[in-house]
């Protein structure tokens, strides 16, 4: 017997053009910062975009957005929150500060519930901020939305990060999930940055590098972080250009 939630989920996600996963094998590499920044820039360019934080144990990306409108129920499901032009959804809005200890099977059930009630509407991009590694969240998305998925791999310019991230790259390749490329965050830390060497190490193209800007930490929202740190915004704009170029070639 088919789970009715699956049919509901397929109907609610049928008008999503691209689902882009921001992944890494390691925590603390800046996935939330980069995925929220990319979401903001895409929406400013006129693309219908949702930023989705799927980290069950430590959702934090939603805190980077000042909300003009909260998530709310409607006839067609749970509507996403709104921050300027960016739509925002997060498990964090539901659990708040409460712990959410879930086993693998339970987590899959919650994911199915979550996606079956969310009303995404018509989207150009669903940007998904995933927890580190290759857990149930990644497996769920791969099973349910394989044909729409692509991934941006986030790493640091350190051997420990590169070694861990390489396992995620291998998993994506085995599962035939399209890899847009790697982004090296805080590239001016951890020694000399050589993109060609990082590309060889990971076996994928490096599509961007983001410098560590201490002043970014002064601002709370991703809007302020970008608009008040011009160099950071320039680097994210350049990353978005590269992503759009790679996606257009993959989809044509």
C-alpha atoms as a PDB file:
ATOM      1  CA  UNK A   1       0.000   0.000   0.000  1.00  0.00           C
ATOM      2  CA  UNK A   2       1.372   3.408  -1.001  1.00  0.00           C
ATOM      3  CA  UNK A   3       1.890   5.874   1.835  1.00  0.00           C
ATOM      4  CA  UNK A   4      -0.472   8.809   1.090  1.00  0.00           C
ATOM      5  CA  UNK A   5       2.182  11.204   2.399  1.00  0.00           C
ATOM      6  CA  UNK A   6       4.401  10.312  -0.539  1.00  0.00           C
ATOM      7  CA  UNK A   7       1.707  11.309  -3.024  1.00  0.00           C
ATOM      8  CA  UNK A   8       1.110  14.555  -1.111  1.00  0.00           C
ATOM      9  CA  UNK A   9       4.841  15.278  -1.072  1.00  0.00           C
ATOM     10  CA  UNK A  10       5.186  14.649  -4.797  1.00  0.00           C
ATOM     11  CA  UNK A  11       2.289  16.980  -5.508  1.00  0.00           C
ATOM     12  CA  UNK A  12       3.711  19.741  -3.288  1.00  0.00           C
ATOM     13  CA  UNK A  13       7.195  19.498  -4.799  1.00  0.00           C
ATOM     14  CA  UNK A  14       6.205  18.988  -8.430  1.00  0.00           C
ATOM     15  CA  UNK A  15       6.784  22.639  -9.316  1.00  0.00           C
ATOM     16  CA  UNK A  16      10.350  22.818  -7.963  1.00  0.00           C
ATOM     17  CA  UNK A  17      12.845  23.168 -10.805  1.00  0.00           C
ATOM     18  CA  UNK A  18      16.142  22.614  -8.955  1.00  0.00           C
ATOM     19  CA  UNK A  19      16.990  21.163  -5.538  1.00  0.00           C
ATOM     20  CA  UNK A  20      20.549  22.132  -4.601  1.00  0.00           C
ATOM     21  CA  UNK A  21      22.119  20.426  -1.586  1.00  0.00           C
ATOM     22  CA  UNK A  22      24.883  22.136   0.358  1.00  0.00           C
ATOM     23  CA  UNK A  23      26.852  19.224   1.793  1.00  0.00           C
ATOM     24  CA  UNK A  24      30.064  18.492   3.622  1.00  0.00           C
ATOM     25  CA  UNK A  25      31.621  15.644   5.546  1.00  0.00           C
ATOM     26  CA  UNK A  26      32.601  17.975   8.345  1.00  0.00           C
ATOM     27  CA  UNK A  27      30.814  20.393  10.642  1.00  0.00           C
ATOM     28  CA  UNK A  28      31.874  23.988  11.096  1.00  0.00           C
ATOM     29  CA  UNK A  29      32.820  24.592   7.466  1.00  0.00           C
ATOM     30  CA  UNK A  30      30.190  27.279   6.859  1.00  0.00           C
ATOM     31  CA  UNK A  31      27.407  25.470   4.993  1.00  0.00           C
ATOM     32  CA  UNK A  32      24.686  27.553   6.647  1.00  0.00           C
ATOM     33  CA  UNK A  33      26.438  30.836   5.901  1.00  0.00           C
ATOM     34  CA  UNK A  34      27.086  29.977   2.261  1.00  0.00           C
ATOM     35  CA  UNK A  35      23.722  28.341   1.512  1.00  0.00           C
ATOM     36  CA  UNK A  36      21.797  31.238   3.069  1.00  0.00           C
ATOM     37  CA  UNK A  37      23.954  33.768   1.200  1.00  0.00           C
ATOM     38  CA  UNK A  38      23.391  31.967  -2.104  1.00  0.00           C
ATOM     39  CA  UNK A  39      19.639  31.854  -1.386  1.00  0.00           C
ATOM     40  CA  UNK A  40      19.601  35.598  -0.735  1.00  0.00           C
ATOM     41  CA  UNK A  41      21.491  36.458  -3.940  1.00  0.00           C
ATOM     42  CA  UNK A  42      19.330  34.141  -6.071  1.00  0.00           C
ATOM     43  CA  UNK A  43      16.157  35.742  -4.728  1.00  0.00           C
ATOM     44  CA  UNK A  44      17.557  39.225  -5.330  1.00  0.00           C
ATOM     45  CA  UNK A  45      18.137  38.220  -8.958  1.00  0.00           C
ATOM     46  CA  UNK A  46      14.477  37.349  -9.332  1.00  0.00           C
ATOM     47  CA  UNK A  47      14.626  33.584  -8.851  1.00  0.00           C
ATOM     48  CA  UNK A  48      11.890  32.068  -6.685  1.00  0.00           C
ATOM     49  CA  UNK A  49      13.996  30.559  -3.926  1.00  0.00           C
ATOM     50  CA  UNK A  50      13.454  28.714  -0.653  1.00  0.00           C
ATOM     51  CA  UNK A  51      16.224  28.275   1.904  1.00  0.00           C
ATOM     52  CA  UNK A  52      15.580  25.045   3.846  1.00  0.00           C
ATOM     53  CA  UNK A  53      17.550  24.088   6.977  1.00  0.00           C
ATOM     54  CA  UNK A  54      17.275  20.313   7.464  1.00  0.00           C
ATOM     55  CA  UNK A  55      19.663  19.940  10.393  1.00  0.00           C
ATOM     56  CA  UNK A  56      17.556  18.164  13.031  1.00  0.00           C
ATOM     57  CA  UNK A  57      20.122  18.326  15.822  1.00  0.00           C
ATOM     58  CA  UNK A  58      21.325  21.886  15.415  1.00  0.00           C
ATOM     59  CA  UNK A  59      19.212  23.979  13.040  1.00  0.00           C
ATOM     60  CA  UNK A  60      20.717  27.453  12.958  1.00  0.00           C
ATOM     61  CA  UNK A  61      20.527  28.775   9.412  1.00  0.00           C
ATOM     62  CA  UNK A  62      17.039  30.161   9.930  1.00  0.00           C
ATOM     63  CA  UNK A  63      18.515  32.550  12.508  1.00  0.00           C
ATOM     64  CA  UNK A  64      20.337  34.332   9.677  1.00  0.00           C
ATOM     65  CA  UNK A  65      17.045  35.658   8.329  1.00  0.00           C
ATOM     66  CA  UNK A  66      14.930  38.475   9.722  1.00  0.00           C
ATOM     67  CA  UNK A  67      11.406  37.245   9.098  1.00  0.00           C
ATOM     68  CA  UNK A  68       8.744  39.517   7.658  1.00  0.00           C
ATOM     69  CA  UNK A  69       6.239  36.664   7.753  1.00  0.00           C
ATOM     70  CA  UNK A  70       6.216  33.474   9.835  1.00  0.00           C
ATOM     71  CA  UNK A  71       5.475  29.950   8.633  1.00  0.00           C
ATOM     72  CA  UNK A  72       1.715  29.502   8.739  1.00  0.00           C
ATOM     73  CA  UNK A  73      -0.936  27.013   7.786  1.00  0.00           C
ATOM     74  CA  UNK A  74      -3.039  27.413   4.650  1.00  0.00           C
ATOM     75  CA  UNK A  75      -5.481  25.477   2.482  1.00  0.00           C
ATOM     76  CA  UNK A  76      -2.636  24.048   0.424  1.00  0.00           C
ATOM     77  CA  UNK A  77      -0.355  23.208   3.361  1.00  0.00           C
ATOM     78  CA  UNK A  78       2.184  24.859   5.624  1.00  0.00           C
ATOM     79  CA  UNK A  79       3.456  27.997   3.946  1.00  0.00           C
ATOM     80  CA  UNK A  80       7.109  28.961   4.206  1.00  0.00           C
ATOM     81  CA  UNK A  81       8.265  31.994   6.150  1.00  0.00           C
ATOM     82  CA  UNK A  82       9.351  35.101   4.242  1.00  0.00           C
ATOM     83  CA  UNK A  83      12.440  37.269   4.640  1.00  0.00           C
ATOM     84  CA  UNK A  84      12.435  39.997   2.015  1.00  0.00           C
ATOM     85  CA  UNK A  85      12.324  38.039  -1.239  1.00  0.00           C
ATOM     86  CA  UNK A  86      13.656  34.784   0.242  1.00  0.00           C
ATOM     87  CA  UNK A  87      11.300  32.071   1.409  1.00  0.00           C
ATOM     88  CA  UNK A  88      12.595  30.278   4.505  1.00  0.00           C
ATOM     89  CA  UNK A  89      11.720  26.915   6.041  1.00  0.00           C
ATOM     90  CA  UNK A  90      13.386  25.079   8.894  1.00  0.00           C
ATOM     91  CA  UNK A  91      12.760  22.255  11.291  1.00  0.00           C
ATOM     92  CA  UNK A  92      14.070  24.767  13.831  1.00  0.00           C
ATOM     93  CA  UNK A  93      10.851  26.785  13.657  1.00  0.00           C
ATOM     94  CA  UNK A  94       8.993  23.735  14.925  1.00  0.00           C
ATOM     95  CA  UNK A  95      11.337  22.338  17.575  1.00  0.00           C
ATOM     96  CA  UNK A  96      12.608  25.760  18.775  1.00  0.00           C
ATOM     97  CA  UNK A  97      15.027  25.139  21.675  1.00  0.00           C
ATOM     98  CA  UNK A  98      13.688  21.676  22.469  1.00  0.00           C
ATOM     99  CA  UNK A  99      15.917  18.620  21.897  1.00  0.00           C
ATOM    100  CA  UNK A 100      14.872  16.291  19.074  1.00  0.00           C
ATOM    101  CA  UNK A 101      16.579  12.918  19.602  1.00  0.00           C
ATOM    102  CA  UNK A 102      15.561  10.709  16.688  1.00  0.00           C
ATOM    103  CA  UNK A 103      16.644   7.291  15.486  1.00  0.00           C
ATOM    104  CA  UNK A 104      17.123   6.649  11.772  1.00  0.00           C
ATOM    105  CA  UNK A 105      13.605   5.302  11.137  1.00  0.00           C
ATOM    106  CA  UNK A 106      11.982   8.037  13.224  1.00  0.00           C
ATOM    107  CA  UNK A 107      13.928  10.702  11.393  1.00  0.00           C
ATOM    108  CA  UNK A 108      12.765   9.349   8.044  1.00  0.00           C
ATOM    109  CA  UNK A 109       9.167   9.524   9.295  1.00  0.00           C
ATOM    110  CA  UNK A 110       9.556  13.143  10.401  1.00  0.00           C
ATOM    111  CA  UNK A 111      11.125  14.051   7.047  1.00  0.00           C
ATOM    112  CA  UNK A 112       8.185  12.480   5.224  1.00  0.00           C
ATOM    113  CA  UNK A 113       5.733  14.352   7.447  1.00  0.00           C
ATOM    114  CA  UNK A 114       7.623  17.624   6.972  1.00  0.00           C
ATOM    115  CA  UNK A 115       7.757  17.442   3.185  1.00  0.00           C
ATOM    116  CA  UNK A 116       4.155  16.250   2.867  1.00  0.00           C
ATOM    117  CA  UNK A 117       2.776  19.336   4.638  1.00  0.00           C
ATOM    118  CA  UNK A 118       5.107  22.042   3.301  1.00  0.00           C
ATOM    119  CA  UNK A 119       3.657  24.193   0.537  1.00  0.00           C
ATOM    120  CA  UNK A 120       6.668  25.214  -1.563  1.00  0.00           C
ATOM    121  CA  UNK A 121       4.680  26.613  -4.462  1.00  0.00           C
ATOM    122  CA  UNK A 122       6.461  27.183  -7.773  1.00  0.00           C
ATOM    123  CA  UNK A 123      10.228  27.422  -7.273  1.00  0.00           C
ATOM    124  CA  UNK A 124      13.324  27.914  -9.343  1.00  0.00           C
ATOM    125  CA  UNK A 125      15.534  26.781  -6.464  1.00  0.00           C
ATOM    126  CA  UNK A 126      15.164  24.865  -3.240  1.00  0.00           C
ATOM    127  CA  UNK A 127      18.479  25.379  -1.437  1.00  0.00           C
ATOM    128  CA  UNK A 128      18.934  22.705   1.248  1.00  0.00           C
ATOM    129  CA  UNK A 129      21.327  23.229   4.140  1.00  0.00           C
ATOM    130  CA  UNK A 130      22.199  19.681   5.252  1.00  0.00           C
ATOM    131  CA  UNK A 131      23.924  18.460   8.425  1.00  0.00           C
ATOM    132  CA  UNK A 132      27.457  17.062   8.040  1.00  0.00           C
ATOM    133  CA  UNK A 133      27.995  13.610   6.598  1.00  0.00           C
ATOM    134  CA  UNK A 134      25.698  11.204   4.806  1.00  0.00           C
ATOM    135  CA  UNK A 135      22.793  10.711   7.181  1.00  0.00           C
ATOM    136  CA  UNK A 136      19.092  10.061   6.760  1.00  0.00           C
ATOM    137  CA  UNK A 137      18.409  13.571   5.455  1.00  0.00           C
ATOM    138  CA  UNK A 138      20.674  13.026   2.437  1.00  0.00           C
ATOM    139  CA  UNK A 139      19.378   9.505   1.840  1.00  0.00           C
ATOM    140  CA  UNK A 140      15.760  10.681   2.014  1.00  0.00           C
ATOM    141  CA  UNK A 141      16.296  13.451  -0.534  1.00  0.00           C
ATOM    142  CA  UNK A 142      18.242  11.146  -2.829  1.00  0.00           C
ATOM    143  CA  UNK A 143      15.446   8.557  -2.792  1.00  0.00           C
ATOM    144  CA  UNK A 144      12.595  11.006  -3.238  1.00  0.00           C
ATOM    145  CA  UNK A 145      13.987  13.684  -5.568  1.00  0.00           C
ATOM    146  CA  UNK A 146      16.956  12.136  -7.379  1.00  0.00           C
ATOM    147  CA  UNK A 147      16.132  13.616 -10.793  1.00  0.00           C
ATOM    148  CA  UNK A 148      16.022  17.187  -9.408  1.00  0.00           C
ATOM    149  CA  UNK A 149      19.075  16.975  -7.148  1.00  0.00           C
ATOM    150  CA  UNK A 150      22.483  18.531  -7.510  1.00  0.00           C
ATOM    151  CA  UNK A 151      25.066  19.281  -4.856  1.00  0.00           C
ATOM    152  CA  UNK A 152      27.548  21.939  -3.828  1.00  0.00           C
ATOM    153  CA  UNK A 153      30.332  20.503  -1.669  1.00  0.00           C
ATOM    154  CA  UNK A 154      31.705  22.825   1.016  1.00  0.00           C
ATOM    155  CA  UNK A 155      35.199  22.324   2.433  1.00  0.00           C
ATOM    156  CA  UNK A 156      37.997  24.116   4.204  1.00  0.00           C
ATOM    157  CA  UNK A 157      41.520  24.337   2.847  1.00  0.00           C
ATOM    158  CA  UNK A 158      42.811  21.825   5.366  1.00  0.00           C
ATOM    159  CA  UNK A 159      43.880  18.220   4.931  1.00  0.00           C
ATOM    160  CA  UNK A 160      41.503  17.011   7.645  1.00  0.00           C
ATOM    161  CA  UNK A 161      38.523  18.683   5.945  1.00  0.00           C
ATOM    162  CA  UNK A 162      39.526  17.539   2.455  1.00  0.00           C
ATOM    163  CA  UNK A 163      39.979  13.928   3.560  1.00  0.00           C
ATOM    164  CA  UNK A 164      36.547  13.877   5.223  1.00  0.00           C
ATOM    165  CA  UNK A 165      34.803  15.693   2.380  1.00  0.00           C
ATOM    166  CA  UNK A 166      36.290  13.278  -0.172  1.00  0.00           C
ATOM    167  CA  UNK A 167      34.094  10.513   1.295  1.00  0.00           C
ATOM    168  CA  UNK A 168      30.987  12.622   0.655  1.00  0.00           C
ATOM    169  CA  UNK A 169      32.127  13.280  -2.922  1.00  0.00           C
ATOM    170  CA  UNK A 170      32.561   9.544  -3.469  1.00  0.00           C
ATOM    171  CA  UNK A 171      29.074   8.903  -2.083  1.00  0.00           C
ATOM    172  CA  UNK A 172      27.529  11.503  -4.405  1.00  0.00           C
ATOM    173  CA  UNK A 173      29.297   9.956  -7.376  1.00  0.00           C
ATOM    174  CA  UNK A 174      28.176   6.426  -6.478  1.00  0.00           C
ATOM    175  CA  UNK A 175      24.585   7.641  -6.079  1.00  0.00           C
ATOM    176  CA  UNK A 176      24.843   9.567  -9.369  1.00  0.00           C
ATOM    177  CA  UNK A 177      23.865  12.871  -7.773  1.00  0.00           C
ATOM    178  CA  UNK A 178      25.083  15.711  -9.969  1.00  0.00           C
ATOM    179  CA  UNK A 179      27.930  17.626  -8.361  1.00  0.00           C
ATOM    180  CA  UNK A 180      27.978  21.299  -9.284  1.00  0.00           C
ATOM    181  CA  UNK A 181      31.403  21.678  -7.701  1.00  0.00           C
ATOM    182  CA  UNK A 182      33.321  22.431  -4.532  1.00  0.00           C
ATOM    183  CA  UNK A 183      33.488  25.693  -2.608  1.00  0.00           C
ATOM    184  CA  UNK A 184      36.477  26.359  -0.377  1.00  0.00           C
ATOM    185  CA  UNK A 185      35.347  28.453   2.556  1.00  0.00           C
ATOM    186  CA  UNK A 186      37.759  30.582   4.626  1.00  0.00           C
ATOM    187  CA  UNK A 187      40.295  29.968   1.892  1.00  0.00           C
ATOM    188  CA  UNK A 188      42.806  32.434   3.350  1.00  0.00           C
ATOM    189  CA  UNK A 189      43.198  30.285   6.472  1.00  0.00           C
ATOM    190  CA  UNK A 190      44.956  26.917   6.894  1.00  0.00           C
ATOM    191  CA  UNK A 191      47.961  27.657   4.701  1.00  0.00           C
ATOM    192  CA  UNK A 192      48.412  28.485   1.035  1.00  0.00           C
ATOM    193  CA  UNK A 193      45.269  28.013  -1.054  1.00  0.00           C
ATOM    194  CA  UNK A 194      45.807  26.252  -4.386  1.00  0.00           C
ATOM    195  CA  UNK A 195      42.490  25.520  -6.152  1.00  0.00           C
ATOM    196  CA  UNK A 196      44.066  23.070  -8.592  1.00  0.00           C
ATOM    197  CA  UNK A 197      45.384  20.982  -5.724  1.00  0.00           C
ATOM    198  CA  UNK A 198      41.995  20.993  -3.969  1.00  0.00           C
ATOM    199  CA  UNK A 199      40.332  19.961  -7.235  1.00  0.00           C
ATOM    200  CA  UNK A 200      42.762  17.064  -7.667  1.00  0.00           C
ATOM    201  CA  UNK A 201      42.300  15.997  -4.049  1.00  0.00           C
ATOM    202  CA  UNK A 202      38.502  15.899  -4.284  1.00  0.00           C
ATOM    203  CA  UNK A 203      38.221  14.824  -7.910  1.00  0.00           C
ATOM    204  CA  UNK A 204      35.746  17.609  -8.743  1.00  0.00           C
ATOM    205  CA  UNK A 205      35.903  21.176 -10.009  1.00  0.00           C
ATOM    206  CA  UNK A 206      36.370  24.021  -7.546  1.00  0.00           C
ATOM    207  CA  UNK A 207      33.707  26.586  -8.461  1.00  0.00           C
ATOM    208  CA  UNK A 208      34.449  29.170  -5.806  1.00  0.00           C
ATOM    209  CA  UNK A 209      36.454  30.267  -2.814  1.00  0.00           C
ATOM    210  CA  UNK A 210      35.242  32.479   0.001  1.00  0.00           C
ATOM    211  CA  UNK A 211      37.729  34.472   2.052  1.00  0.00           C
ATOM    212  CA  UNK A 212      37.361  34.680   5.810  1.00  0.00           C
ATOM    213  CA  UNK A 213      36.093  38.192   6.565  1.00  0.00           C
ATOM    214  CA  UNK A 214      36.115  38.852  10.356  1.00  0.00           C
ATOM    215  CA  UNK A 215      33.720  41.776   9.944  1.00  0.00           C
ATOM    216  CA  UNK A 216      30.981  39.410   8.700  1.00  0.00           C
ATOM    217  CA  UNK A 217      30.573  38.205  12.292  1.00  0.00           C
ATOM    218  CA  UNK A 218      29.496  41.684  13.400  1.00  0.00           C
ATOM    219  CA  UNK A 219      26.155  41.363  11.633  1.00  0.00           C
ATOM    220  CA  UNK A 220      23.306  39.026  12.529  1.00  0.00           C
ATOM    221  CA  UNK A 221      21.308  38.615   9.313  1.00  0.00           C
ATOM    222  CA  UNK A 222      22.598  37.310   6.004  1.00  0.00           C
ATOM    223  CA  UNK A 223      21.279  40.485   4.351  1.00  0.00           C
ATOM    224  CA  UNK A 224      23.498  42.665   6.535  1.00  0.00           C
ATOM    225  CA  UNK A 225      26.450  40.302   6.294  1.00  0.00           C
ATOM    226  CA  UNK A 226      26.336  40.611   2.506  1.00  0.00           C
ATOM    227  CA  UNK A 227      25.362  44.242   2.043  1.00  0.00           C
ATOM    228  CA  UNK A 228      27.764  45.573   4.684  1.00  0.00           C
ATOM    229  CA  UNK A 229      30.707  43.413   3.600  1.00  0.00           C
ATOM    230  CA  UNK A 230      31.125  44.205  -0.130  1.00  0.00           C
ATOM    231  CA  UNK A 231      34.000  41.782  -0.667  1.00  0.00           C
ATOM    232  CA  UNK A 232      31.977  38.903   0.801  1.00  0.00           C
ATOM    233  CA  UNK A 233      29.029  39.813  -1.416  1.00  0.00           C
ATOM    234  CA  UNK A 234      31.292  39.932  -4.477  1.00  0.00           C
ATOM    235  CA  UNK A 235      32.590  36.427  -3.753  1.00  0.00           C
ATOM    236  CA  UNK A 236      29.066  35.041  -3.279  1.00  0.00           C
ATOM    237  CA  UNK A 237      27.873  36.775  -6.477  1.00  0.00           C
ATOM    238  CA  UNK A 238      30.747  35.131  -8.340  1.00  0.00           C
ATOM    239  CA  UNK A 239      29.861  31.741  -6.835  1.00  0.00           C
ATOM    240  CA  UNK A 240      26.220  32.131  -7.883  1.00  0.00           C
ATOM    241  CA  UNK A 241      27.292  32.976 -11.439  1.00  0.00           C
ATOM    242  CA  UNK A 242      29.367  29.809 -11.584  1.00  0.00           C
ATOM    243  CA  UNK A 243      26.538  27.704 -10.144  1.00  0.00           C
ATOM    244  CA  UNK A 244      24.011  29.046 -12.631  1.00  0.00           C
ATOM    245  CA  UNK A 245      26.394  28.393 -15.511  1.00  0.00           C
ATOM    246  CA  UNK A 246      27.028  24.817 -14.415  1.00  0.00           C
ATOM    247  CA  UNK A 247      23.324  24.127 -13.875  1.00  0.00           C
ATOM    248  CA  UNK A 248      22.330  25.549 -17.252  1.00  0.00           C
ATOM    249  CA  UNK A 249      24.835  23.275 -19.003  1.00  0.00           C
ATOM    250  CA  UNK A 250      23.698  20.249 -16.993  1.00  0.00           C
ATOM    251  CA  UNK A 251      20.013  20.848 -17.718  1.00  0.00           C
ATOM    252  CA  UNK A 252      20.343  21.533 -21.460  1.00  0.00           C
END
